[in-house]
Amino acid sequence: MKNNIRLAYILSFISELYFPISVWLFYYLRYLDFSQIGILTAVKLLSSILFEVPTGVFADKAGRKRAIVISFFLYGLVMFGFAGGSVFWMFIVLDIFKALANAFYSGSMEALVYDSLKEDGEEESYDKVVSNMESIAWVGLFVSSVLGGFLYFFWFRSPYVIQGSLYIVSGFIALGLVEPKIDSKKYSWKEAWKGNTAGISELFANNKVAQMTVVFVILGAGYFIASEMMGISQAREYGMDSRWAGILFGVGYIVSAMFSQFYPILRKLFGARKLLYVVAAVLIGSFLLARWVGVIVGSILIVSRISSSTTFRNTRSGVINKLIGSKSRATSISTLVLLSQLPMAIMAYFLGDYIDKHSPNMLAWLVGWVMIGALIIQWVYFRSRIKYEPNNAMVRNSN
């Protein structure tokens, strides 16, 4: 299984070596307004809602390797489609298939890595491995963000052409993965379909697990809204072109890579719960302050938000993998991703319309207060329920 870990590092780098990452909004705005972009985002996310759990079940039952291979090949074809796109309906079709490709990858790589380590009796090293994967992924984002901005400046279609070629090559690399034997029993499709409800059942098995799930969903939704719509639009509002936006986000990604390497130490010193407090403060603070600051402080807030997301993702991954059994792990991770995307899926058009009528920084301020309200409500709700629940130390011990 050592080869799986090596390939996971390579594929983690390539999967996030995503050249359109800092320029996709500039590309879309050549043909669309923010309201139309909101519709596209809603279509993509609603497609993800339809695809996430079934593809997670597919990964659990048919194999994580197959899901990863399919993801790369499909994503590569979609990128070539984007390179030639220019009309609204075409972007809709491409975003649907992009959602399907993302869904095949979501949760599959993490689950394959964890089971590979477990098969070798090295699951305790998962935190270190996933931190390395996060660091490598952030380096990929840094490189692609900076280069993507300049590629777009010289020829606006080139980031998508290069991306499509790279993902096709990655599909062939992924063929070298080996499916772990743990929980490798083959199920009938009838049994697999029943797994659609397994993720939600695991994530809400008791009040302690349910509270962690709700917190992850609230924070995950905030990070997702920022990455999908607010981040680049804020940079654009500050007057940045594709090159400066690429540099700004590239700085955030490389800082995230460095922070990821310290994650095992931070988790050991402070525990998952305290780390969640920190990332929540950074995330919400970046939203609330954006309305009142200029380009320099605003850029610092964007970089801080991006940097804190690596701690959030590592914490979420570690807690969920320890709480959920291998049989339903990929399904549960996919379900959690789905739930985090749901607020954006429902509100995408309205968020885009709000930006058209006001500004992305006004939207950030509003989202920050909504998140504070949601966190307070969940704390009040679960406080009394957990107090009287038997065996209420489970999640605390997972920290």
Protein backbone atom coordinates (compact mmCIF):
# COMPACT_ATOMS: atom_id res chain seq x y z
CA MET A 1 0.00 0.00 0.00
CA LYS A 2 3.05 2.31 0.13
CA ASN A 3 2.64 2.93 -3.60
CA ASN A 4 -0.91 4.17 -2.96
CA ILE A 5 0.40 6.86 -0.64
CA ARG A 6 3.03 7.97 -3.15
CA LEU A 7 0.44 8.15 -5.92
CA ALA A 8 -1.97 9.94 -3.58
CA TYR A 9 0.65 12.66 -3.10
CA ILE A 10 1.11 13.00 -6.87
CA LEU A 11 -2.61 13.03 -7.62
CA SER A 12 -3.32 15.46 -4.77
CA PHE A 13 -0.87 17.87 -6.36
CA ILE A 14 -2.31 17.44 -9.85
CA SER A 15 -5.94 17.58 -8.72
CA GLU A 16 -5.35 21.03 -7.25
CA LEU A 17 -3.01 22.20 -10.02
CA TYR A 18 -6.11 23.91 -11.36
CA PHE A 19 -5.15 26.76 -13.67
CA PRO A 20 -8.63 28.38 -13.88
CA ILE A 21 -8.76 28.67 -10.05
CA SER A 22 -8.08 32.42 -9.92
CA VAL A 23 -9.49 33.42 -13.31
CA TRP A 24 -12.76 31.51 -13.81
CA LEU A 25 -14.82 34.54 -12.76
CA PHE A 26 -13.00 36.77 -15.25
CA TYR A 27 -13.69 34.13 -17.92
CA TYR A 28 -17.40 33.85 -17.08
CA LEU A 29 -17.86 37.62 -16.98
CA ARG A 30 -16.83 37.80 -20.65
CA TYR A 31 -20.20 36.24 -21.46
CA LEU A 32 -22.37 36.43 -18.31
CA ASP A 33 -23.41 38.70 -15.44
CA PHE A 34 -23.36 37.78 -11.74
CA SER A 35 -26.99 36.67 -11.75
CA GLN A 36 -26.31 34.20 -14.56
CA ILE A 37 -23.18 33.04 -12.78
CA GLY A 38 -25.36 32.47 -9.73
CA ILE A 39 -27.70 30.30 -11.81
CA LEU A 40 -24.74 28.29 -13.11
CA THR A 41 -23.46 27.86 -9.58
CA ALA A 42 -26.88 26.69 -8.43
CA VAL A 43 -27.11 24.19 -11.30
CA LYS A 44 -23.65 22.85 -10.52
CA LEU A 45 -24.35 22.53 -6.82
CA LEU A 46 -27.80 21.00 -7.25
CA SER A 47 -26.17 18.51 -9.60
CA SER A 48 -23.63 17.82 -6.85
CA ILE A 49 -26.48 17.14 -4.46
CA LEU A 50 -27.83 14.56 -6.89
CA PHE A 51 -24.41 13.03 -7.57
CA GLU A 52 -22.49 13.21 -4.26
CA VAL A 53 -24.09 10.37 -2.32
CA PRO A 54 -24.58 7.95 -5.26
CA THR A 55 -20.94 8.41 -6.32
CA GLY A 56 -19.86 7.98 -2.70
CA VAL A 57 -21.82 4.72 -2.59
CA PHE A 58 -20.19 3.76 -5.90
CA ALA A 59 -16.76 4.39 -4.37
CA ASP A 60 -17.60 2.31 -1.28
CA LYS A 61 -19.05 -0.58 -3.26
CA ALA A 62 -17.33 -0.65 -6.66
CA GLY A 63 -13.99 0.75 -5.51
CA ARG A 64 -12.38 4.07 -4.68
CA LYS A 65 -9.77 3.56 -7.42
CA ARG A 66 -12.45 3.32 -10.12
CA ALA A 67 -14.14 6.46 -8.83
CA ILE A 68 -10.86 8.41 -8.91
CA VAL A 69 -9.96 7.24 -12.43
CA ILE A 70 -13.41 8.13 -13.78
CA SER A 71 -13.19 11.53 -12.12
CA PHE A 72 -9.93 12.53 -13.81
CA PHE A 73 -10.91 11.38 -17.31
CA LEU A 74 -14.34 13.02 -17.13
CA TYR A 75 -12.94 16.25 -15.69
CA GLY A 76 -10.37 16.43 -18.47
CA LEU A 77 -13.07 16.25 -21.15
CA VAL A 78 -15.12 18.90 -19.34
CA MET A 79 -12.16 21.30 -19.29
CA PHE A 80 -11.79 21.01 -23.07
CA GLY A 81 -15.47 21.85 -23.31
CA PHE A 82 -15.01 24.99 -21.20
CA ALA A 83 -12.14 26.08 -23.45
CA GLY A 84 -14.61 26.32 -26.34
CA GLY A 85 -17.58 27.59 -24.35
CA SER A 86 -19.20 30.95 -24.98
CA VAL A 87 -22.97 30.61 -24.46
CA PHE A 88 -25.04 30.22 -21.31
CA TRP A 89 -26.67 26.85 -22.07
CA MET A 90 -23.30 25.27 -22.90
CA PHE A 91 -21.89 26.37 -19.56
CA ILE A 92 -24.90 24.78 -17.85
CA VAL A 93 -24.24 21.39 -19.48
CA LEU A 94 -20.53 21.57 -18.71
CA ASP A 95 -21.14 22.51 -15.08
CA ILE A 96 -23.41 19.48 -14.65
CA PHE A 97 -20.69 17.13 -15.87
CA LYS A 98 -18.10 19.03 -13.83
CA ALA A 99 -20.23 18.36 -10.74
CA LEU A 100 -20.32 14.66 -11.62
CA ALA A 101 -16.53 14.53 -12.00
CA ASN A 102 -16.05 16.30 -8.67
CA ALA A 103 -18.48 13.95 -6.98
CA PHE A 104 -16.55 10.87 -8.10
CA TYR A 105 -13.38 12.27 -6.51
CA SER A 106 -14.97 13.70 -3.36
CA GLY A 107 -14.17 11.55 -0.34
CA SER A 108 -12.73 8.73 -2.45
CA MET A 109 -9.07 9.69 -2.16
CA GLU A 110 -9.24 10.32 1.60
CA ALA A 111 -11.02 7.01 2.17
CA LEU A 112 -8.56 5.10 -0.04
CA VAL A 113 -5.59 6.60 1.79
CA TYR A 114 -7.05 5.81 5.23
CA ASP A 115 -7.84 2.21 4.29
CA SER A 116 -4.40 1.78 2.69
CA LEU A 117 -2.76 2.89 5.94
CA LYS A 118 -5.12 0.75 8.01
CA GLU A 119 -4.31 -2.33 5.94
CA ASP A 120 -0.63 -1.79 6.79
CA GLY A 121 -1.46 -1.12 10.47
CA GLU A 122 -0.37 2.50 10.14
CA GLU A 123 -3.69 4.34 10.49
CA GLU A 124 -2.21 6.44 13.33
CA SER A 125 -0.07 8.19 10.72
CA TYR A 126 -3.17 9.36 8.85
CA ASP A 127 -2.97 12.90 10.29
CA LYS A 128 0.58 13.27 9.00
CA VAL A 129 -0.22 11.82 5.60
CA VAL A 130 -3.32 13.97 5.11
CA SER A 131 -1.32 17.03 6.20
CA ASN A 132 1.28 16.21 3.56
CA MET A 133 -1.49 15.81 0.99
CA GLU A 134 -2.95 19.16 2.01
CA SER A 135 0.44 20.85 1.75
CA ILE A 136 1.08 19.34 -1.66
CA ALA A 137 -2.41 20.34 -2.80
CA TRP A 138 -1.87 23.92 -1.63
CA VAL A 139 1.44 24.08 -3.51
CA GLY A 140 -0.45 22.95 -6.61
CA LEU A 141 -3.01 25.69 -6.06
CA PHE A 142 -0.24 28.27 -5.57
CA VAL A 143 1.51 27.32 -8.82
CA SER A 144 -1.71 27.15 -10.85
CA SER A 145 -3.13 30.34 -9.34
CA VAL A 146 -0.11 32.44 -10.27
CA LEU A 147 0.49 30.80 -13.65
CA GLY A 148 -3.22 30.71 -14.44
CA GLY A 149 -3.49 34.47 -14.01
CA PHE A 150 -0.70 35.09 -16.50
CA LEU A 151 -1.91 32.38 -18.90
CA TYR A 152 -5.34 34.01 -18.94
CA PHE A 153 -3.80 37.43 -19.56
CA PHE A 154 -1.97 36.19 -22.67
CA TRP A 155 -4.79 33.93 -23.99
CA PHE A 156 -7.97 33.64 -21.97
CA ARG A 157 -8.76 30.06 -23.07
CA SER A 158 -5.32 28.59 -22.32
CA PRO A 159 -5.93 27.72 -18.62
CA TYR A 160 -8.75 25.36 -19.64
CA VAL A 161 -6.85 23.76 -22.54
CA ILE A 162 -3.84 23.00 -20.34
CA GLN A 163 -6.09 21.78 -17.53
CA GLY A 164 -7.91 19.30 -19.76
CA SER A 165 -4.64 17.81 -20.98
CA LEU A 166 -3.27 17.51 -17.45
CA TYR A 167 -6.35 15.72 -16.08
CA ILE A 168 -6.37 13.18 -18.92
CA VAL A 169 -2.76 12.31 -18.06
CA SER A 170 -3.76 12.07 -14.38
CA GLY A 171 -6.42 9.50 -15.24
CA PHE A 172 -3.73 7.19 -16.57
CA ILE A 173 -1.59 7.78 -13.47
CA ALA A 174 -4.55 6.87 -11.23
CA LEU A 175 -4.73 3.45 -12.90
CA GLY A 176 -1.64 2.59 -10.83
CA LEU A 177 -3.60 2.74 -7.54
CA VAL A 178 -4.39 -0.53 -5.75
CA GLU A 179 -7.76 -1.02 -4.07
CA PRO A 180 -7.27 -1.89 -0.34
CA LYS A 181 -8.74 -5.23 0.70
CA ILE A 182 -10.41 -3.79 3.81
CA ASP A 183 -14.18 -3.89 3.36
CA SER A 184 -13.67 -4.93 -0.26
CA LYS A 185 -16.77 -7.14 -0.30
CA LYS A 186 -18.78 -6.59 -3.49
CA TYR A 187 -22.40 -5.66 -2.92
CA SER A 188 -25.34 -5.92 -5.27
CA TRP A 189 -26.59 -2.66 -6.72
CA LYS A 190 -29.76 -3.10 -4.68
CA GLU A 191 -27.67 -3.10 -1.51
CA ALA A 192 -25.57 -0.25 -2.84
CA TRP A 193 -28.64 1.89 -3.45
CA LYS A 194 -29.64 1.40 0.18
CA GLY A 195 -26.33 3.04 1.05
CA ASN A 196 -27.73 6.40 -0.05
CA THR A 197 -29.09 6.87 3.48
CA ALA A 198 -26.00 5.49 5.22
CA GLY A 199 -24.09 8.77 5.19
CA ILE A 200 -26.81 10.78 6.91
CA SER A 201 -27.44 7.97 9.43
CA GLU A 202 -23.76 7.89 10.40
CA LEU A 203 -23.42 11.67 10.60
CA PHE A 204 -26.43 11.97 12.90
CA ALA A 205 -25.97 8.73 14.86
CA ASN A 206 -26.18 10.56 18.21
CA ASN A 207 -26.22 14.13 19.50
CA LYS A 208 -22.44 14.44 19.87
CA VAL A 209 -21.79 13.32 16.30
CA ALA A 210 -24.73 15.38 15.06
CA GLN A 211 -23.37 18.55 16.68
CA MET A 212 -19.96 18.05 15.08
CA THR A 213 -21.72 17.49 11.76
CA VAL A 214 -23.75 20.70 12.08
CA VAL A 215 -20.66 22.75 13.00
CA PHE A 216 -18.75 21.28 10.05
CA VAL A 217 -21.66 22.09 7.75
CA ILE A 218 -21.93 25.72 8.93
CA LEU A 219 -18.20 26.40 8.64
CA GLY A 220 -17.91 24.36 5.43
CA ALA A 221 -20.74 26.36 3.89
CA GLY A 222 -18.93 29.60 4.76
CA TYR A 223 -15.68 28.47 3.18
CA PHE A 224 -17.57 27.18 0.16
CA ILE A 225 -19.47 30.42 -0.43
CA ALA A 226 -16.19 32.34 -0.14
CA SER A 227 -14.37 30.11 -2.62
CA GLU A 228 -17.24 29.85 -5.11
CA MET A 229 -18.32 33.46 -5.38
CA MET A 230 -16.93 36.00 -2.92
CA GLY A 231 -13.15 35.61 -2.97
CA ILE A 232 -12.41 36.41 -6.60
CA SER A 233 -15.23 38.96 -6.83
CA GLN A 234 -13.73 40.76 -3.82
CA ALA A 235 -10.32 40.85 -5.52
CA ARG A 236 -11.99 42.21 -8.65
CA GLU A 237 -13.76 44.87 -6.58
CA TYR A 238 -10.36 45.95 -5.26
CA GLY A 239 -9.35 46.63 -8.89
CA MET A 240 -7.16 43.57 -9.50
CA ASP A 241 -6.82 41.99 -12.94
CA SER A 242 -6.24 38.26 -13.52
CA ARG A 243 -2.50 38.52 -12.81
CA TRP A 244 -2.81 40.27 -9.45
CA ALA A 245 -5.74 38.07 -8.44
CA GLY A 246 -3.63 35.02 -9.24
CA ILE A 247 -0.76 36.32 -7.13
CA LEU A 248 -3.09 37.17 -4.22
CA PHE A 249 -4.66 33.73 -4.13
CA GLY A 250 -1.30 32.10 -4.77
CA VAL A 251 0.06 33.70 -1.59
CA GLY A 252 -2.93 32.35 0.33
CA TYR A 253 -2.39 28.86 -1.04
CA ILE A 254 1.33 28.70 -0.24
CA VAL A 255 0.73 29.97 3.31
CA SER A 256 -1.90 27.24 3.63
CA ALA A 257 0.67 24.66 2.53
CA MET A 258 3.01 25.76 5.31
CA PHE A 259 0.24 25.75 7.92
CA SER A 260 -0.80 22.25 6.88
CA GLN A 261 2.61 20.87 7.84
CA PHE A 262 2.09 22.08 11.41
CA TYR A 263 -1.40 20.63 11.68
CA PRO A 264 -0.48 17.36 13.51
CA ILE A 265 1.39 19.41 16.14
CA LEU A 266 -1.46 21.90 16.49
CA ARG A 267 -4.05 19.14 16.80
CA LYS A 268 -2.00 17.34 19.44
CA LEU A 269 -1.52 20.54 21.46
CA PHE A 270 -5.00 22.03 21.22
CA GLY A 271 -7.39 19.33 20.01
CA ALA A 272 -9.97 19.52 17.24
CA ARG A 273 -12.49 21.56 19.22
CA LYS A 274 -10.16 24.51 19.95
CA LEU A 275 -8.88 24.50 16.39
CA LEU A 276 -12.46 24.78 15.18
CA TYR A 277 -12.90 27.85 17.40
CA VAL A 278 -9.86 29.45 15.78
CA VAL A 279 -10.87 28.77 12.18
CA ALA A 280 -14.42 29.95 12.91
CA ALA A 281 -13.07 33.24 14.26
CA VAL A 282 -10.79 33.75 11.25
CA LEU A 283 -13.49 32.85 8.73
CA ILE A 284 -16.27 34.95 10.24
CA GLY A 285 -13.89 37.82 11.01
CA SER A 286 -12.81 37.95 7.35
CA PHE A 287 -16.47 38.34 6.39
CA LEU A 288 -17.47 40.95 8.95
CA LEU A 289 -14.45 43.22 8.46
CA ALA A 290 -14.41 43.15 4.64
CA ARG A 291 -17.03 45.89 4.40
CA TRP A 292 -14.90 48.39 6.31
CA VAL A 293 -11.38 47.92 4.95
CA GLY A 294 -9.34 48.83 1.88
CA VAL A 295 -7.34 46.81 -0.59
CA ILE A 296 -4.36 46.03 1.68
CA VAL A 297 -6.27 44.85 4.76
CA GLY A 298 -8.89 43.24 2.51
CA SER A 299 -6.18 41.23 0.77
CA ILE A 300 -4.80 40.14 4.16
CA LEU A 301 -8.29 38.98 5.18
CA ILE A 302 -8.64 36.93 1.99
CA VAL A 303 -5.23 35.31 2.53
CA SER A 304 -6.07 34.57 6.19
CA ARG A 305 -9.36 32.97 5.21
CA ILE A 306 -7.70 30.77 2.60
CA SER A 307 -4.91 29.83 5.03
CA SER A 308 -7.33 28.82 7.80
CA SER A 309 -9.27 26.53 5.49
CA THR A 310 -6.49 23.93 5.54
CA THR A 311 -6.83 23.57 9.33
CA PHE A 312 -10.59 23.25 8.95
CA ARG A 313 -10.35 20.59 6.25
CA ASN A 314 -7.72 18.57 8.12
CA THR A 315 -9.75 18.71 11.34
CA ARG A 316 -12.96 17.71 9.59
CA SER A 317 -11.27 14.84 7.78
CA GLY A 318 -9.59 13.47 10.91
CA VAL A 319 -12.70 13.63 13.10
CA ILE A 320 -15.02 12.08 10.52
CA ASN A 321 -12.59 9.28 9.66
CA LYS A 322 -12.31 8.33 13.34
CA LEU A 323 -16.04 8.51 14.03
CA ILE A 324 -17.23 6.66 10.91
CA GLY A 325 -16.47 3.04 10.02
CA SER A 326 -14.64 2.19 6.80
CA LYS A 327 -17.71 0.62 5.19
CA SER A 328 -19.56 3.95 5.00
CA ARG A 329 -16.66 6.39 5.26
CA ALA A 330 -16.61 7.65 1.67
CA THR A 331 -20.40 7.89 1.64
CA SER A 332 -20.39 9.90 4.88
CA ILE A 333 -17.68 12.28 3.67
CA SER A 334 -19.59 12.80 0.43
CA THR A 335 -22.78 13.46 2.39
CA LEU A 336 -21.00 16.03 4.56
CA VAL A 337 -19.69 17.80 1.46
CA LEU A 338 -23.22 17.78 0.05
CA LEU A 339 -24.70 19.31 3.20
CA SER A 340 -22.02 22.02 3.20
CA GLN A 341 -22.87 22.93 -0.38
CA LEU A 342 -26.62 22.99 0.17
CA PRO A 343 -26.91 26.64 1.41
CA MET A 344 -24.98 27.86 -1.63
CA ALA A 345 -27.07 25.69 -3.95
CA ILE A 346 -30.29 27.19 -2.61
CA MET A 347 -29.11 30.80 -2.49
CA ALA A 348 -26.66 31.02 -5.42
CA TYR A 349 -28.89 33.07 -7.73
CA PHE A 350 -29.85 35.47 -4.94
CA LEU A 351 -26.21 35.85 -3.86
CA GLY A 352 -25.20 36.69 -7.42
CA ASP A 353 -28.07 39.13 -7.76
CA TYR A 354 -27.10 40.74 -4.43
CA ILE A 355 -23.53 41.26 -5.69
CA ASP A 356 -24.89 42.81 -8.91
CA LYS A 357 -27.01 45.25 -6.90
CA HIS A 358 -24.61 45.92 -4.00
CA SER A 359 -21.08 44.49 -3.68
CA PRO A 360 -19.27 41.28 -2.68
CA ASN A 361 -18.03 42.91 0.53
CA MET A 362 -21.58 43.77 1.56
CA LEU A 363 -22.50 40.14 0.92
CA ALA A 364 -19.54 38.99 3.03
CA TRP A 365 -20.72 41.12 5.95
CA LEU A 366 -24.22 39.64 5.70
CA VAL A 367 -22.96 36.04 5.50
CA GLY A 368 -20.77 36.59 8.57
CA TRP A 369 -23.75 37.56 10.73
CA VAL A 370 -25.83 34.66 9.41
CA MET A 371 -23.05 32.24 10.40
CA ILE A 372 -22.85 33.70 13.91
CA GLY A 373 -26.58 33.23 14.31
CA ALA A 374 -26.43 29.64 13.06
CA LEU A 375 -23.58 28.71 15.43
CA ILE A 376 -25.42 30.20 18.41
CA ILE A 377 -28.61 28.33 17.55
CA GLN A 378 -26.84 24.96 17.24
CA TRP A 379 -24.99 25.52 20.53
CA VAL A 380 -28.21 26.27 22.40
CA TYR A 381 -30.02 23.34 20.79
CA PHE A 382 -27.37 20.68 21.44
CA ARG A 383 -26.21 21.89 24.86
CA SER A 384 -29.14 20.43 26.79
CA ARG A 385 -29.50 17.34 24.58
CA ILE A 386 -25.87 16.26 24.96
CA LYS A 387 -25.85 16.87 28.71
CA TYR A 388 -28.28 14.03 29.31
CA GLU A 389 -27.08 11.67 26.57
CA PRO A 390 -25.29 8.47 27.70
CA ASN A 391 -21.65 8.00 26.68
CA ASN A 392 -21.29 11.67 25.88
CA ALA A 393 -17.50 11.61 25.88
CA MET A 394 -17.15 10.04 22.47
CA VAL A 395 -16.42 13.12 20.38
CA ARG A 396 -14.39 14.74 23.14
CA ASN A 397 -12.12 11.71 23.14
CA SER A 398 -11.74 11.96 19.37
CA ASN A 399 -10.08 15.34 19.83
